[in-house]
Amino acid sequence: MQVCATNNQGSYSFRCPGCTLAVAKLAESRVVDLLVSSGVKLSVWSLPAELDEPRQGAPISYDDLLEFHTQIEQDGWFEKLTSPIGRNDD
């Protein structure tokens, strides 16, 4: 049983006794109260603060993601990524 302290949304998960697959369900507050009162362990978490940060620039596209993937397959990708803008050692 998990409840988000930021928006008070709850969920729970269990393993189906018939097929043994993991099942996850959203839970209203009354379901959360019922499960916790019957002994289910409650875990409280918060949304990351980064979600509240202002966003700038265009969203990342599939082409951006593909280009990044291509770049990190090359030797020296991290140094190229972290080098100051305008520096051209190529």
N, C-alpha and C. Protein backbone atom coordinates (compact mmCIF):
# COMPACT_ATOMS: atom_id res chain seq x y z
N MET A 1 0.84 -1.16 0.00
CA MET A 1 0.00 0.00 0.00
C MET A 1 0.89 1.22 0.00
N GLN A 2 0.70 2.08 -1.01
CA GLN A 2 1.47 3.31 -1.12
C GLN A 2 0.52 4.49 -1.23
N VAL A 3 0.88 5.58 -0.55
CA VAL A 3 0.10 6.82 -0.65
C VAL A 3 1.09 7.95 -0.92
N CYS A 4 0.74 8.78 -1.91
CA CYS A 4 1.56 9.94 -2.24
C CYS A 4 1.15 11.10 -1.33
N ALA A 5 2.10 11.61 -0.56
CA ALA A 5 1.81 12.71 0.36
C ALA A 5 1.52 14.01 -0.40
N THR A 6 2.00 14.13 -1.62
CA THR A 6 1.82 15.35 -2.40
C THR A 6 0.38 15.52 -2.88
N ASN A 7 -0.22 14.44 -3.38
CA ASN A 7 -1.58 14.54 -3.94
C ASN A 7 -2.59 13.59 -3.29
N ASN A 8 -2.15 12.86 -2.28
CA ASN A 8 -3.00 11.96 -1.50
C ASN A 8 -3.59 10.81 -2.32
N GLN A 9 -2.97 10.46 -3.45
CA GLN A 9 -3.43 9.32 -4.23
C GLN A 9 -2.80 8.04 -3.69
N GLY A 10 -3.60 6.99 -3.62
CA GLY A 10 -3.12 5.73 -3.09
C GLY A 10 -3.20 4.62 -4.11
N SER A 11 -2.40 3.59 -3.89
CA SER A 11 -2.43 2.40 -4.72
C SER A 11 -1.97 1.21 -3.88
N TYR A 12 -2.31 0.03 -4.36
CA TYR A 12 -1.85 -1.18 -3.69
C TYR A 12 -1.55 -2.22 -4.75
N SER A 13 -0.75 -3.18 -4.38
CA SER A 13 -0.41 -4.25 -5.31
C SER A 13 -0.40 -5.57 -4.56
N PHE A 14 -0.64 -6.63 -5.32
CA PHE A 14 -0.66 -7.97 -4.75
C PHE A 14 -0.38 -8.97 -5.86
N ARG A 15 -0.07 -10.19 -5.47
CA ARG A 15 0.14 -11.26 -6.43
C ARG A 15 -1.14 -12.08 -6.50
N CYS A 16 -1.67 -12.24 -7.70
CA CYS A 16 -2.90 -12.99 -7.91
C CYS A 16 -2.69 -14.44 -7.47
N PRO A 17 -3.54 -14.95 -6.58
CA PRO A 17 -3.36 -16.33 -6.13
C PRO A 17 -3.64 -17.35 -7.24
N GLY A 18 -4.41 -16.98 -8.25
CA GLY A 18 -4.73 -17.91 -9.32
C GLY A 18 -3.64 -18.05 -10.36
N CYS A 19 -3.12 -16.90 -10.83
CA CYS A 19 -2.13 -16.94 -11.92
C CYS A 19 -0.74 -16.49 -11.48
N THR A 20 -0.60 -15.99 -10.26
CA THR A 20 0.63 -15.50 -9.65
C THR A 20 1.22 -14.25 -10.31
N LEU A 21 0.44 -13.61 -11.19
CA LEU A 21 0.91 -12.35 -11.77
C LEU A 21 0.72 -11.21 -10.78
N ALA A 22 1.60 -10.20 -10.85
CA ALA A 22 1.48 -9.02 -10.00
C ALA A 22 0.34 -8.15 -10.53
N VAL A 23 -0.49 -7.66 -9.61
CA VAL A 23 -1.64 -6.81 -9.94
C VAL A 23 -1.49 -5.52 -9.15
N ALA A 24 -1.70 -4.38 -9.81
CA ALA A 24 -1.64 -3.08 -9.13
C ALA A 24 -2.97 -2.36 -9.36
N LYS A 25 -3.48 -1.74 -8.31
CA LYS A 25 -4.77 -1.05 -8.37
C LYS A 25 -4.66 0.31 -7.69
N LEU A 26 -5.40 1.29 -8.21
CA LEU A 26 -5.54 2.57 -7.52
C LEU A 26 -6.46 2.37 -6.33
N ALA A 27 -6.30 3.18 -5.30
CA ALA A 27 -7.10 3.02 -4.10
C ALA A 27 -7.62 4.36 -3.61
N GLU A 28 -8.93 4.46 -3.45
CA GLU A 28 -9.52 5.66 -2.85
C GLU A 28 -9.16 5.67 -1.37
N SER A 29 -9.34 6.82 -0.74
CA SER A 29 -8.93 6.96 0.66
C SER A 29 -9.65 5.96 1.57
N ARG A 30 -10.91 5.64 1.28
CA ARG A 30 -11.62 4.68 2.14
C ARG A 30 -11.01 3.28 2.01
N VAL A 31 -10.51 2.93 0.82
CA VAL A 31 -9.85 1.64 0.63
C VAL A 31 -8.51 1.63 1.37
N VAL A 32 -7.78 2.75 1.29
CA VAL A 32 -6.52 2.87 2.01
C VAL A 32 -6.78 2.67 3.51
N ASP A 33 -7.77 3.37 4.04
CA ASP A 33 -8.09 3.25 5.47
C ASP A 33 -8.44 1.81 5.84
N LEU A 34 -9.22 1.16 5.03
CA LEU A 34 -9.64 -0.22 5.30
C LEU A 34 -8.44 -1.17 5.30
N LEU A 35 -7.59 -1.05 4.29
CA LEU A 35 -6.43 -1.95 4.20
C LEU A 35 -5.45 -1.71 5.34
N VAL A 36 -5.18 -0.44 5.66
CA VAL A 36 -4.25 -0.13 6.75
C VAL A 36 -4.82 -0.60 8.08
N SER A 37 -6.12 -0.41 8.29
CA SER A 37 -6.73 -0.85 9.56
C SER A 37 -6.72 -2.37 9.70
N SER A 38 -6.61 -3.08 8.59
CA SER A 38 -6.57 -4.54 8.66
C SER A 38 -5.14 -5.08 8.68
N GLY A 39 -4.14 -4.18 8.77
CA GLY A 39 -2.77 -4.61 8.97
C GLY A 39 -1.84 -4.48 7.78
N VAL A 40 -2.32 -3.96 6.66
CA VAL A 40 -1.44 -3.78 5.50
C VAL A 40 -0.46 -2.64 5.78
N LYS A 41 0.81 -2.87 5.47
CA LYS A 41 1.86 -1.87 5.71
C LYS A 41 1.68 -0.69 4.76
N LEU A 42 1.74 0.53 5.29
CA LEU A 42 1.58 1.74 4.52
C LEU A 42 2.93 2.38 4.25
N SER A 43 3.16 2.72 3.00
CA SER A 43 4.37 3.43 2.60
C SER A 43 3.95 4.78 2.02
N VAL A 44 4.49 5.87 2.59
CA VAL A 44 4.16 7.23 2.13
C VAL A 44 5.34 7.77 1.35
N TRP A 45 5.07 8.37 0.20
CA TRP A 45 6.10 8.92 -0.65
C TRP A 45 5.64 10.27 -1.18
N SER A 46 6.55 11.03 -1.78
CA SER A 46 6.22 12.35 -2.33
C SER A 46 6.70 12.43 -3.77
N LEU A 47 5.99 13.23 -4.56
CA LEU A 47 6.43 13.48 -5.93
C LEU A 47 7.74 14.25 -5.90
N PRO A 48 8.64 14.02 -6.86
CA PRO A 48 9.92 14.74 -6.85
C PRO A 48 9.73 16.24 -7.06
N ALA A 49 10.54 17.03 -6.39
CA ALA A 49 10.45 18.49 -6.48
C ALA A 49 10.69 18.99 -7.90
N GLU A 50 11.41 18.22 -8.71
CA GLU A 50 11.70 18.63 -10.09
C GLU A 50 10.43 18.85 -10.91
N LEU A 51 9.34 18.22 -10.53
CA LEU A 51 8.09 18.40 -11.26
C LEU A 51 7.56 19.83 -11.15
N ASP A 52 7.95 20.54 -10.10
CA ASP A 52 7.50 21.92 -9.90
C ASP A 52 8.44 22.96 -10.51
N GLU A 53 9.58 22.50 -11.04
CA GLU A 53 10.54 23.43 -11.62
C GLU A 53 10.01 23.97 -12.95
N PRO A 54 10.33 25.23 -13.25
CA PRO A 54 9.91 25.78 -14.55
C PRO A 54 10.63 25.06 -15.69
N ARG A 55 9.92 24.87 -16.78
CA ARG A 55 10.49 24.21 -17.96
C ARG A 55 10.80 25.25 -19.02
N GLN A 56 11.92 25.04 -19.69
CA GLN A 56 12.32 25.95 -20.76
C GLN A 56 12.65 25.13 -22.00
N GLY A 57 12.46 25.74 -23.15
CA GLY A 57 12.83 25.08 -24.39
C GLY A 57 11.78 24.10 -24.88
N ALA A 58 12.04 23.58 -26.04
CA ALA A 58 11.12 22.62 -26.67
C ALA A 58 11.24 21.26 -25.99
N PRO A 59 10.17 20.48 -25.99
CA PRO A 59 10.24 19.12 -25.44
C PRO A 59 11.23 18.27 -26.24
N ILE A 60 11.78 17.26 -25.61
CA ILE A 60 12.69 16.33 -26.28
C ILE A 60 11.89 15.53 -27.30
N SER A 61 12.44 15.40 -28.50
CA SER A 61 11.76 14.65 -29.56
C SER A 61 12.38 13.25 -29.67
N TYR A 62 11.76 12.41 -30.47
CA TYR A 62 12.32 11.08 -30.73
C TYR A 62 13.67 11.20 -31.43
N ASP A 63 13.79 12.19 -32.31
CA ASP A 63 15.07 12.41 -32.99
C ASP A 63 16.16 12.80 -32.00
N ASP A 64 15.82 13.64 -31.01
CA ASP A 64 16.77 14.02 -29.97
C ASP A 64 17.23 12.78 -29.20
N LEU A 65 16.29 11.93 -28.85
CA LEU A 65 16.60 10.72 -28.10
C LEU A 65 17.49 9.78 -28.92
N LEU A 66 17.19 9.62 -30.20
CA LEU A 66 18.00 8.78 -31.07
C LEU A 66 19.42 9.35 -31.21
N GLU A 67 19.53 10.67 -31.36
CA GLU A 67 20.84 11.31 -31.46
C GLU A 67 21.65 11.10 -30.17
N PHE A 68 21.00 11.25 -29.03
CA PHE A 68 21.67 11.03 -27.75
C PHE A 68 22.15 9.58 -27.64
N HIS A 69 21.31 8.64 -28.02
CA HIS A 69 21.67 7.22 -27.98
C HIS A 69 22.90 6.97 -28.86
N THR A 70 22.92 7.55 -30.05
CA THR A 70 24.05 7.40 -30.97
C THR A 70 25.31 7.98 -30.35
N GLN A 71 25.19 9.15 -29.71
CA GLN A 71 26.34 9.81 -29.11
C GLN A 71 26.95 8.99 -27.97
N ILE A 72 26.12 8.41 -27.10
CA ILE A 72 26.67 7.71 -25.94
C ILE A 72 27.27 6.36 -26.30
N GLU A 73 27.10 5.92 -27.52
CA GLU A 73 27.76 4.70 -27.97
C GLU A 73 29.20 4.97 -28.40
N GLN A 74 29.59 6.23 -28.52
CA GLN A 74 30.93 6.59 -28.97
C GLN A 74 31.86 6.83 -27.79
N ASP A 75 33.14 6.56 -28.00
CA ASP A 75 34.15 6.84 -26.97
C ASP A 75 34.20 8.35 -26.73
N GLY A 76 34.39 8.73 -25.49
CA GLY A 76 34.52 10.14 -25.14
C GLY A 76 33.19 10.89 -25.11
N TRP A 77 32.07 10.17 -25.09
CA TRP A 77 30.76 10.83 -25.14
C TRP A 77 30.52 11.72 -23.93
N PHE A 78 30.97 11.28 -22.75
CA PHE A 78 30.69 12.06 -21.54
C PHE A 78 31.47 13.37 -21.56
N GLU A 79 32.72 13.30 -21.96
CA GLU A 79 33.54 14.50 -22.02
C GLU A 79 32.96 15.49 -23.04
N LYS A 80 32.49 14.97 -24.16
CA LYS A 80 31.89 15.83 -25.19
C LYS A 80 30.61 16.47 -24.65
N LEU A 81 29.84 15.69 -23.91
CA LEU A 81 28.58 16.18 -23.36
C LEU A 81 28.81 17.26 -22.31
N THR A 82 29.85 17.12 -21.51
CA THR A 82 30.08 18.05 -20.41
C THR A 82 31.05 19.17 -20.74
N SER A 83 31.59 19.20 -21.95
CA SER A 83 32.52 20.27 -22.31
C SER A 83 31.77 21.59 -22.46
N PRO A 84 32.43 22.71 -22.19
CA PRO A 84 31.77 24.01 -22.32
C PRO A 84 31.25 24.24 -23.74
N ILE A 85 30.13 24.91 -23.85
CA ILE A 85 29.55 25.23 -25.16
C ILE A 85 30.50 26.13 -25.92
N GLY A 86 30.66 25.86 -27.20
CA GLY A 86 31.54 26.67 -28.02
C GLY A 86 32.94 26.09 -28.13
N ARG A 87 33.30 25.18 -27.24
CA ARG A 87 34.61 24.53 -27.30
C ARG A 87 34.56 23.48 -28.39
N ASN A 88 35.48 23.51 -29.28
CA ASN A 88 35.48 22.58 -30.41
C ASN A 88 36.85 21.94 -30.53
N ASP A 89 36.99 20.71 -29.98
CA ASP A 89 38.26 19.99 -30.04
C ASP A 89 38.28 19.01 -31.18
N ASP A 90 37.25 18.95 -31.99
CA ASP A 90 37.17 17.96 -33.07
C ASP A 90 38.10 18.32 -34.20
